[in-house]
PDB file of all heavy atoms in Angstrom:
ATOM      1  N   HIS A   1       4.048  -0.588  -9.000  1.00  0.00           N
ATOM      2  CA  HIS A   1       4.877   0.073  -8.058  1.00  0.00           C
ATOM      3  C   HIS A   1       4.326   0.096  -6.634  1.00  0.00           C
ATOM      4  O   HIS A   1       5.088  -0.216  -5.703  1.00  0.00           O
ATOM      5  CB  HIS A   1       5.146   1.460  -8.571  1.00  0.00           C
ATOM      6  CG  HIS A   1       5.690   2.466  -7.556  1.00  0.00           C
ATOM      7  ND1 HIS A   1       7.050   2.410  -7.057  1.00  0.00           N
ATOM      8  CD2 HIS A   1       5.110   3.355  -6.616  1.00  0.00           C
ATOM      9  CE1 HIS A   1       7.214   3.217  -6.097  1.00  0.00           C
ATOM     10  NE2 HIS A   1       6.162   3.848  -5.795  1.00  0.00           N
ATOM     11  N   PHE A   2       3.011   0.413  -6.518  1.00  0.00           N
ATOM     12  CA  PHE A   2       2.515   0.558  -5.148  1.00  0.00           C
ATOM     13  C   PHE A   2       2.239  -0.855  -4.571  1.00  0.00           C
ATOM     14  O   PHE A   2       2.218  -0.991  -3.389  1.00  0.00           O
ATOM     15  CB  PHE A   2       1.198   1.386  -5.162  1.00  0.00           C
ATOM     16  CG  PHE A   2       1.468   2.848  -5.173  1.00  0.00           C
ATOM     17  CD1 PHE A   2       1.234   3.549  -6.459  1.00  0.00           C
ATOM     18  CD2 PHE A   2       2.064   3.526  -4.149  1.00  0.00           C
ATOM     19  CE1 PHE A   2       1.515   4.966  -6.449  1.00  0.00           C
ATOM     20  CE2 PHE A   2       2.431   4.859  -4.200  1.00  0.00           C
ATOM     21  CZ  PHE A   2       2.082   5.546  -5.360  1.00  0.00           C
ATOM     22  N   GLU A   3       2.061  -1.946  -5.490  1.00  0.00           N
ATOM     23  CA  GLU A   3       1.915  -3.200  -4.881  1.00  0.00           C
ATOM     24  C   GLU A   3       3.257  -3.607  -4.247  1.00  0.00           C
ATOM     25  O   GLU A   3       3.361  -4.278  -3.175  1.00  0.00           O
ATOM     26  CB  GLU A   3       1.551  -4.168  -5.947  1.00  0.00           C
ATOM     27  CG  GLU A   3       0.073  -4.152  -6.451  1.00  0.00           C
ATOM     28  CD  GLU A   3      -0.292  -4.871  -7.666  1.00  0.00           C
ATOM     29  OE1 GLU A   3       0.634  -5.400  -8.420  1.00  0.00           O
ATOM     30  OE2 GLU A   3      -1.537  -4.885  -7.963  1.00  0.00           O
ATOM     31  N   LYS A   4       4.303  -3.318  -4.942  1.00  0.00           N
ATOM     32  CA  LYS A   4       5.693  -3.673  -4.352  1.00  0.00           C
ATOM     33  C   LYS A   4       5.997  -2.781  -3.133  1.00  0.00           C
ATOM     34  O   LYS A   4       6.589  -3.237  -2.127  1.00  0.00           O
ATOM     35  CB  LYS A   4       6.817  -3.429  -5.366  1.00  0.00           C
ATOM     36  CG  LYS A   4       6.768  -4.309  -6.568  1.00  0.00           C
ATOM     37  CD  LYS A   4       7.875  -4.036  -7.714  1.00  0.00           C
ATOM     38  CE  LYS A   4       7.887  -4.995  -8.770  1.00  0.00           C
ATOM     39  NZ  LYS A   4       8.872  -4.670  -9.790  1.00  0.00           N
ATOM     40  N   TYR A   5       5.583  -1.458  -3.147  1.00  0.00           N
ATOM     41  CA  TYR A   5       5.721  -0.738  -2.047  1.00  0.00           C
ATOM     42  C   TYR A   5       4.909  -1.160  -0.836  1.00  0.00           C
ATOM     43  O   TYR A   5       5.433  -1.145   0.329  1.00  0.00           O
ATOM     44  CB  TYR A   5       5.257   0.766  -2.462  1.00  0.00           C
ATOM     45  CG  TYR A   5       5.389   1.845  -1.381  1.00  0.00           C
ATOM     46  CD1 TYR A   5       6.559   2.372  -1.046  1.00  0.00           C
ATOM     47  CD2 TYR A   5       4.238   2.343  -0.760  1.00  0.00           C
ATOM     48  CE1 TYR A   5       6.673   3.335  -0.036  1.00  0.00           C
ATOM     49  CE2 TYR A   5       4.319   3.356   0.220  1.00  0.00           C
ATOM     50  CZ  TYR A   5       5.538   3.716   0.579  1.00  0.00           C
ATOM     51  OH  TYR A   5       5.591   4.713   1.599  1.00  0.00           O
ATOM     52  N   TYR A   6       3.772  -1.632  -1.080  1.00  0.00           N
ATOM     53  CA  TYR A   6       2.903  -2.165  -0.015  1.00  0.00           C
ATOM     54  C   TYR A   6       3.566  -3.454   0.699  1.00  0.00           C
ATOM     55  O   TYR A   6       3.609  -3.455   1.884  1.00  0.00           O
ATOM     56  CB  TYR A   6       1.541  -2.536  -0.602  1.00  0.00           C
ATOM     57  CG  TYR A   6       0.651  -3.444   0.286  1.00  0.00           C
ATOM     58  CD1 TYR A   6       0.031  -2.785   1.338  1.00  0.00           C
ATOM     59  CD2 TYR A   6       0.383  -4.722  -0.082  1.00  0.00           C
ATOM     60  CE1 TYR A   6      -0.806  -3.570   2.196  1.00  0.00           C
ATOM     61  CE2 TYR A   6      -0.375  -5.514   0.808  1.00  0.00           C
ATOM     62  CZ  TYR A   6      -0.964  -4.823   1.908  1.00  0.00           C
ATOM     63  OH  TYR A   6      -1.822  -5.614   2.799  1.00  0.00           O
ATOM     64  N   GLU A   7       4.122  -4.204  -0.235  1.00  0.00           N
ATOM     65  CA  GLU A   7       4.787  -5.459   0.307  1.00  0.00           C
ATOM     66  C   GLU A   7       6.030  -5.112   1.137  1.00  0.00           C
ATOM     67  O   GLU A   7       6.222  -5.659   2.227  1.00  0.00           O
ATOM     68  CB  GLU A   7       5.185  -6.410  -0.750  1.00  0.00           C
ATOM     69  CG  GLU A   7       4.000  -7.062  -1.467  1.00  0.00           C
ATOM     70  CD  GLU A   7       3.069  -7.853  -0.506  1.00  0.00           C
ATOM     71  OE1 GLU A   7       3.655  -8.473   0.451  1.00  0.00           O
ATOM     72  OE2 GLU A   7       1.816  -7.988  -0.758  1.00  0.00           O
ATOM     73  N   GLN A   8       6.677  -4.058   0.764  1.00  0.00           N
ATOM     74  CA  GLN A   8       7.939  -3.666   1.442  1.00  0.00           C
ATOM     75  C   GLN A   8       7.494  -2.964   2.779  1.00  0.00           C
ATOM     76  O   GLN A   8       8.182  -3.292   3.783  1.00  0.00           O
ATOM     77  CB  GLN A   8       8.704  -2.609   0.570  1.00  0.00           C
ATOM     78  CG  GLN A   8      10.051  -2.161   1.235  1.00  0.00           C
ATOM     79  CD  GLN A   8      10.956  -3.420   1.327  1.00  0.00           C
ATOM     80  OE1 GLN A   8      10.998  -4.269   0.508  1.00  0.00           O
ATOM     81  NE2 GLN A   8      11.837  -3.377   2.376  1.00  0.00           N
ATOM     82  N   MET A   9       6.410  -2.246   2.665  1.00  0.00           N
ATOM     83  CA  MET A   9       6.110  -1.558   3.946  1.00  0.00           C
ATOM     84  C   MET A   9       5.609  -2.552   5.031  1.00  0.00           C
ATOM     85  O   MET A   9       5.814  -2.443   6.291  1.00  0.00           O
ATOM     86  CB  MET A   9       4.942  -0.544   3.733  1.00  0.00           C
ATOM     87  CG  MET A   9       5.362   0.766   2.874  1.00  0.00           C
ATOM     88  SD  MET A   9       6.642   1.606   3.667  1.00  0.00           S
ATOM     89  CE  MET A   9       8.180   0.995   2.867  1.00  0.00           C
ATOM     90  N   LYS A  10       4.909  -3.665   4.509  1.00  0.00           N
ATOM     91  CA  LYS A  10       4.444  -4.762   5.464  1.00  0.00           C
ATOM     92  C   LYS A  10       5.668  -5.428   6.109  1.00  0.00           C
ATOM     93  O   LYS A  10       5.672  -5.646   7.296  1.00  0.00           O
ATOM     94  CB  LYS A  10       3.591  -5.675   4.676  1.00  0.00           C
ATOM     95  CG  LYS A  10       2.136  -5.356   4.527  1.00  0.00           C
ATOM     96  CD  LYS A  10       1.248  -6.570   4.295  1.00  0.00           C
ATOM     97  CE  LYS A  10       1.740  -7.433   3.174  1.00  0.00           C
ATOM     98  NZ  LYS A  10       0.850  -8.586   2.946  1.00  0.00           N
ATOM     99  N   LYS A  11       6.670  -5.580   5.251  1.00  0.00           N
ATOM    100  CA  LYS A  11       7.892  -6.294   5.602  1.00  0.00           C
ATOM    101  C   LYS A  11       8.573  -5.370   6.779  1.00  0.00           C
ATOM    102  O   LYS A  11       9.147  -5.944   7.701  1.00  0.00           O
ATOM    103  CB  LYS A  11       8.817  -6.491   4.529  1.00  0.00           C
ATOM    104  CG  LYS A  11      10.026  -7.434   4.808  1.00  0.00           C
ATOM    105  CD  LYS A  11      10.916  -7.524   3.509  1.00  0.00           C
ATOM    106  CE  LYS A  11      10.187  -8.253   2.480  1.00  0.00           C
ATOM    107  NZ  LYS A  11      11.081  -8.485   1.263  1.00  0.00           N
ATOM    108  N   GLN A  12       8.578  -4.106   6.541  1.00  0.00           N
ATOM    109  CA  GLN A  12       9.229  -3.207   7.440  1.00  0.00           C
ATOM    110  C   GLN A  12       8.504  -2.934   8.703  1.00  0.00           C
ATOM    111  O   GLN A  12       8.875  -2.311   9.605  1.00  0.00           O
ATOM    112  CB  GLN A  12       9.688  -1.951   6.713  1.00  0.00           C
ATOM    113  CG  GLN A  12      10.794  -2.017   5.741  1.00  0.00           C
ATOM    114  CD  GLN A  12      11.030  -0.872   4.927  1.00  0.00           C
ATOM    115  OE1 GLN A  12      11.438  -0.956   3.816  1.00  0.00           O
ATOM    116  NE2 GLN A  12      10.624   0.285   5.417  1.00  0.00           N
ATOM    117  N   GLY A  13       7.123  -3.270   8.657  1.00  0.00           N
ATOM    118  CA  GLY A  13       6.298  -3.017   9.809  1.00  0.00           C
ATOM    119  C   GLY A  13       5.870  -1.370   9.902  1.00  0.00           C
ATOM    120  O   GLY A  13       5.593  -0.933  10.905  1.00  0.00           O
ATOM    121  N   ASP A  14       5.935  -0.802   8.623  1.00  0.00           N
ATOM    122  CA  ASP A  14       5.639   0.670   8.598  1.00  0.00           C
ATOM    123  C   ASP A  14       4.141   0.796   8.297  1.00  0.00           C
ATOM    124  O   ASP A  14       3.701   0.641   7.209  1.00  0.00           O
ATOM    125  CB  ASP A  14       6.423   1.215   7.530  1.00  0.00           C
ATOM    126  CG  ASP A  14       6.305   2.715   7.402  1.00  0.00           C
ATOM    127  OD1 ASP A  14       5.283   3.278   7.815  1.00  0.00           O
ATOM    128  OD2 ASP A  14       7.233   3.406   6.939  1.00  0.00           O
ATOM    129  N   ILE A  15       3.381   0.930   9.365  1.00  0.00           N
ATOM    130  CA  ILE A  15       1.885   1.028   9.193  1.00  0.00           C
ATOM    131  C   ILE A  15       1.517   2.159   8.364  1.00  0.00           C
ATOM    132  O   ILE A  15       0.587   2.041   7.602  1.00  0.00           O
ATOM    133  CB  ILE A  15       1.196   1.130  10.615  1.00  0.00           C
ATOM    134  CG1 ILE A  15       1.600  -0.124  11.530  1.00  0.00           C
ATOM    135  CG2 ILE A  15      -0.342   1.216  10.458  1.00  0.00           C
ATOM    136  CD1 ILE A  15       1.214  -1.444  10.793  1.00  0.00           C
ATOM    137  N   GLN A  16       2.014   3.385   8.578  1.00  0.00           N
ATOM    138  CA  GLN A  16       1.648   4.463   7.718  1.00  0.00           C
ATOM    139  C   GLN A  16       1.960   4.303   6.326  1.00  0.00           C
ATOM    140  O   GLN A  16       1.190   4.690   5.426  1.00  0.00           O
ATOM    141  CB  GLN A  16       2.360   5.733   8.243  1.00  0.00           C
ATOM    142  CG  GLN A  16       1.818   7.105   7.526  1.00  0.00           C
ATOM    143  CD  GLN A  16       0.298   7.161   7.668  1.00  0.00           C
ATOM    144  OE1 GLN A  16      -0.252   7.209   8.734  1.00  0.00           O
ATOM    145  NE2 GLN A  16      -0.337   7.398   6.412  1.00  0.00           N
ATOM    146  N   GLY A  17       3.137   3.569   6.055  1.00  0.00           N
ATOM    147  CA  GLY A  17       3.452   3.258   4.652  1.00  0.00           C
ATOM    148  C   GLY A  17       2.559   2.268   3.982  1.00  0.00           C
ATOM    149  O   GLY A  17       2.192   2.428   2.890  1.00  0.00           O
ATOM    150  N   VAL A  18       2.046   1.372   4.836  1.00  0.00           N
ATOM    151  CA  VAL A  18       1.030   0.357   4.331  1.00  0.00           C
ATOM    152  C   VAL A  18      -0.289   1.158   3.986  1.00  0.00           C
ATOM    153  O   VAL A  18      -0.866   0.953   2.961  1.00  0.00           O
ATOM    154  CB  VAL A  18       0.657  -0.655   5.491  1.00  0.00           C
ATOM    155  CG1 VAL A  18      -0.697  -1.418   5.194  1.00  0.00           C
ATOM    156  CG2 VAL A  18       1.889  -1.596   5.626  1.00  0.00           C
ATOM    157  N   ILE A  19      -0.654   2.091   4.840  1.00  0.00           N
ATOM    158  CA  ILE A  19      -1.899   2.818   4.562  1.00  0.00           C
ATOM    159  C   ILE A  19      -1.749   3.652   3.372  1.00  0.00           C
ATOM    160  O   ILE A  19      -2.719   3.768   2.528  1.00  0.00           O
ATOM    161  CB  ILE A  19      -2.197   3.831   5.814  1.00  0.00           C
ATOM    162  CG1 ILE A  19      -2.612   2.999   7.024  1.00  0.00           C
ATOM    163  CG2 ILE A  19      -3.241   4.870   5.478  1.00  0.00           C
ATOM    164  CD1 ILE A  19      -2.750   3.743   8.340  1.00  0.00           C
ATOM    165  N   ASN A  20      -0.673   4.368   3.170  1.00  0.00           N
ATOM    166  CA  ASN A  20      -0.343   5.154   1.979  1.00  0.00           C
ATOM    167  C   ASN A  20      -0.392   4.333   0.698  1.00  0.00           C
ATOM    168  O   ASN A  20      -1.056   4.688  -0.304  1.00  0.00           O
ATOM    169  CB  ASN A  20       1.013   5.850   2.094  1.00  0.00           C
ATOM    170  CG  ASN A  20       1.071   6.825   3.152  1.00  0.00           C
ATOM    171  OD1 ASN A  20       0.085   7.279   3.672  1.00  0.00           O
ATOM    172  ND2 ASN A  20       2.282   7.282   3.635  1.00  0.00           N
ATOM    173  N   ALA A  21       0.146   3.165   0.783  1.00  0.00           N
ATOM    174  CA  ALA A  21       0.212   2.205  -0.359  1.00  0.00           C
ATOM    175  C   ALA A  21      -1.191   1.812  -0.709  1.00  0.00           C
ATOM    176  O   ALA A  21      -1.576   1.795  -1.955  1.00  0.00           O
ATOM    177  CB  ALA A  21       1.056   1.074  -0.047  1.00  0.00           C
ATOM    178  N   MET A  22      -1.918   1.364   0.331  1.00  0.00           N
ATOM    179  CA  MET A  22      -3.258   0.859  -0.025  1.00  0.00           C
ATOM    180  C   MET A  22      -4.191   1.912  -0.398  1.00  0.00           C
ATOM    181  O   MET A  22      -5.109   1.669  -1.323  1.00  0.00           O
ATOM    182  CB  MET A  22      -3.849   0.198   1.373  1.00  0.00           C
ATOM    183  CG  MET A  22      -3.177  -1.021   1.682  1.00  0.00           C
ATOM    184  SD  MET A  22      -4.037  -1.922   3.055  1.00  0.00           S
ATOM    185  CE  MET A  22      -5.498  -2.388   2.227  1.00  0.00           C
ATOM    186  N   THR A  23      -4.008   3.175  -0.092  1.00  0.00           N
ATOM    187  CA  THR A  23      -4.881   4.337  -0.440  1.00  0.00           C
ATOM    188  C   THR A  23      -4.596   4.637  -1.956  1.00  0.00           C
ATOM    189  O   THR A  23      -5.445   4.674  -2.748  1.00  0.00           O
ATOM    190  CB  THR A  23      -4.561   5.556   0.298  1.00  0.00           C
ATOM    191  OG1 THR A  23      -4.800   5.379   1.766  1.00  0.00           O
ATOM    192  CG2 THR A  23      -5.428   6.819  -0.213  1.00  0.00           C
ATOM    193  N   HIS A  24      -3.274   4.575  -2.416  1.00  0.00           N
ATOM    194  CA  HIS A  24      -2.929   4.708  -3.713  1.00  0.00           C
ATOM    195  C   HIS A  24      -3.488   3.636  -4.581  1.00  0.00           C
ATOM    196  O   HIS A  24      -4.020   3.823  -5.713  1.00  0.00           O
ATOM    197  CB  HIS A  24      -1.500   4.784  -3.945  1.00  0.00           C
ATOM    198  CG  HIS A  24      -0.844   6.172  -3.614  1.00  0.00           C
ATOM    199  ND1 HIS A  24      -0.393   6.405  -2.318  1.00  0.00           N
ATOM    200  CD2 HIS A  24      -0.617   7.228  -4.324  1.00  0.00           C
ATOM    201  CE1 HIS A  24       0.055   7.727  -2.397  1.00  0.00           C
ATOM    202  NE2 HIS A  24      -0.102   8.214  -3.595  1.00  0.00           N
ATOM    203  N   LEU A  25      -3.383   2.367  -4.053  1.00  0.00           N
ATOM    204  CA  LEU A  25      -3.884   1.232  -4.909  1.00  0.00           C
ATOM    205  C   LEU A  25      -5.485   1.311  -5.079  1.00  0.00           C
ATOM    206  O   LEU A  25      -5.992   1.008  -6.107  1.00  0.00           O
ATOM    207  CB  LEU A  25      -3.498  -0.039  -4.164  1.00  0.00           C
ATOM    208  CG  LEU A  25      -2.066  -0.557  -4.390  1.00  0.00           C
ATOM    209  CD1 LEU A  25      -1.753  -1.637  -3.419  1.00  0.00           C
ATOM    210  CD2 LEU A  25      -1.722  -0.900  -5.761  1.00  0.00           C
ATOM    211  N   ASP A  26      -6.138   1.742  -4.024  1.00  0.00           N
ATOM    212  CA  ASP A  26      -7.552   1.936  -4.100  1.00  0.00           C
ATOM    213  C   ASP A  26      -7.960   2.975  -5.153  1.00  0.00           C
ATOM    214  O   ASP A  26      -8.950   2.940  -5.728  1.00  0.00           O
ATOM    215  CB  ASP A  26      -8.212   2.152  -2.780  1.00  0.00           C
ATOM    216  CG  ASP A  26      -9.681   1.924  -2.714  1.00  0.00           C
ATOM    217  OD1 ASP A  26     -10.154   1.082  -3.287  1.00  0.00           O
ATOM    218  OD2 ASP A  26     -10.434   2.963  -2.304  1.00  0.00           O
ATOM    219  N   VAL A  27      -7.068   4.041  -5.174  1.00  0.00           N
ATOM    220  CA  VAL A  27      -7.432   5.134  -6.134  1.00  0.00           C
ATOM    221  C   VAL A  27      -7.189   4.620  -7.537  1.00  0.00           C
ATOM    222  O   VAL A  27      -7.991   4.851  -8.525  1.00  0.00           O
ATOM    223  CB  VAL A  27      -6.523   6.219  -5.920  1.00  0.00           C
ATOM    224  CG1 VAL A  27      -6.619   7.301  -7.103  1.00  0.00           C
ATOM    225  CG2 VAL A  27      -6.889   7.066  -4.625  1.00  0.00           C
ATOM    226  N   LEU A  28      -6.191   3.737  -7.760  1.00  0.00           N
ATOM    227  CA  LEU A  28      -5.852   3.288  -9.117  1.00  0.00           C
ATOM    228  C   LEU A  28      -6.796   2.150  -9.476  1.00  0.00           C
ATOM    229  O   LEU A  28      -7.124   2.011 -10.681  1.00  0.00           O
ATOM    230  CB  LEU A  28      -4.389   2.720  -9.106  1.00  0.00           C
ATOM    231  CG  LEU A  28      -3.279   3.834  -9.080  1.00  0.00           C
ATOM    232  CD1 LEU A  28      -1.942   3.173  -8.687  1.00  0.00           C
ATOM    233  CD2 LEU A  28      -3.201   4.539 -10.307  1.00  0.00           C
ATOM    234  N   ALA A  29      -7.082   1.312  -8.534  1.00  0.00           N
ATOM    235  CA  ALA A  29      -8.048   0.121  -8.830  1.00  0.00           C
ATOM    236  C   ALA A  29      -9.003  -0.103  -7.703  1.00  0.00           C
ATOM    237  O   ALA A  29      -8.727  -0.977  -6.787  1.00  0.00           O
ATOM    238  CB  ALA A  29      -7.244  -1.073  -9.122  1.00  0.00           C
ATOM    239  N   PRO A  30     -10.059   0.675  -7.604  1.00  0.00           N
ATOM    240  CA  PRO A  30     -10.962   0.722  -6.455  1.00  0.00           C
ATOM    241  C   PRO A  30     -11.624  -0.714  -6.318  1.00  0.00           C
ATOM    242  O   PRO A  30     -12.002  -1.320  -7.361  1.00  0.00           O
ATOM    243  CB  PRO A  30     -11.911   1.756  -6.781  1.00  0.00           C
ATOM    244  CG  PRO A  30     -11.402   2.599  -7.858  1.00  0.00           C
ATOM    245  CD  PRO A  30     -10.425   1.669  -8.662  1.00  0.00           C
ATOM    246  N   SER A  31     -11.741  -1.103  -5.101  1.00  0.00           N
ATOM    247  CA  SER A  31     -12.455  -2.336  -4.704  1.00  0.00           C
ATOM    248  C   SER A  31     -12.957  -2.246  -3.319  1.00  0.00           C
ATOM    249  O   SER A  31     -12.284  -1.745  -2.459  1.00  0.00           O
ATOM    250  CB  SER A  31     -11.608  -3.565  -4.972  1.00  0.00           C
ATOM    251  OG  SER A  31     -10.704  -3.801  -3.959  1.00  0.00           O
ATOM    252  N   GLN A  32     -14.146  -2.857  -3.078  1.00  0.00           N
ATOM    253  CA  GLN A  32     -14.694  -2.846  -1.756  1.00  0.00           C
ATOM    254  C   GLN A  32     -13.752  -3.579  -0.704  1.00  0.00           C
ATOM    255  O   GLN A  32     -13.508  -3.267   0.449  1.00  0.00           O
ATOM    256  CB  GLN A  32     -16.089  -3.355  -1.666  1.00  0.00           C
ATOM    257  CG  GLN A  32     -16.739  -3.222  -0.202  1.00  0.00           C
ATOM    258  CD  GLN A  32     -16.938  -1.726   0.140  1.00  0.00           C
ATOM    259  OE1 GLN A  32     -17.310  -0.904  -0.604  1.00  0.00           O
ATOM    260  NE2 GLN A  32     -16.337  -1.461   1.395  1.00  0.00           N
TER     261      GLN A  32
END
């Protein structure tokens, strides 16, 4: 879900949305 949300936020140019999506993804699957 958040991977799709991330791609959609990038497409819309919504920076805060990108940040929110990446934060959730890092919580779910942390990586450096």
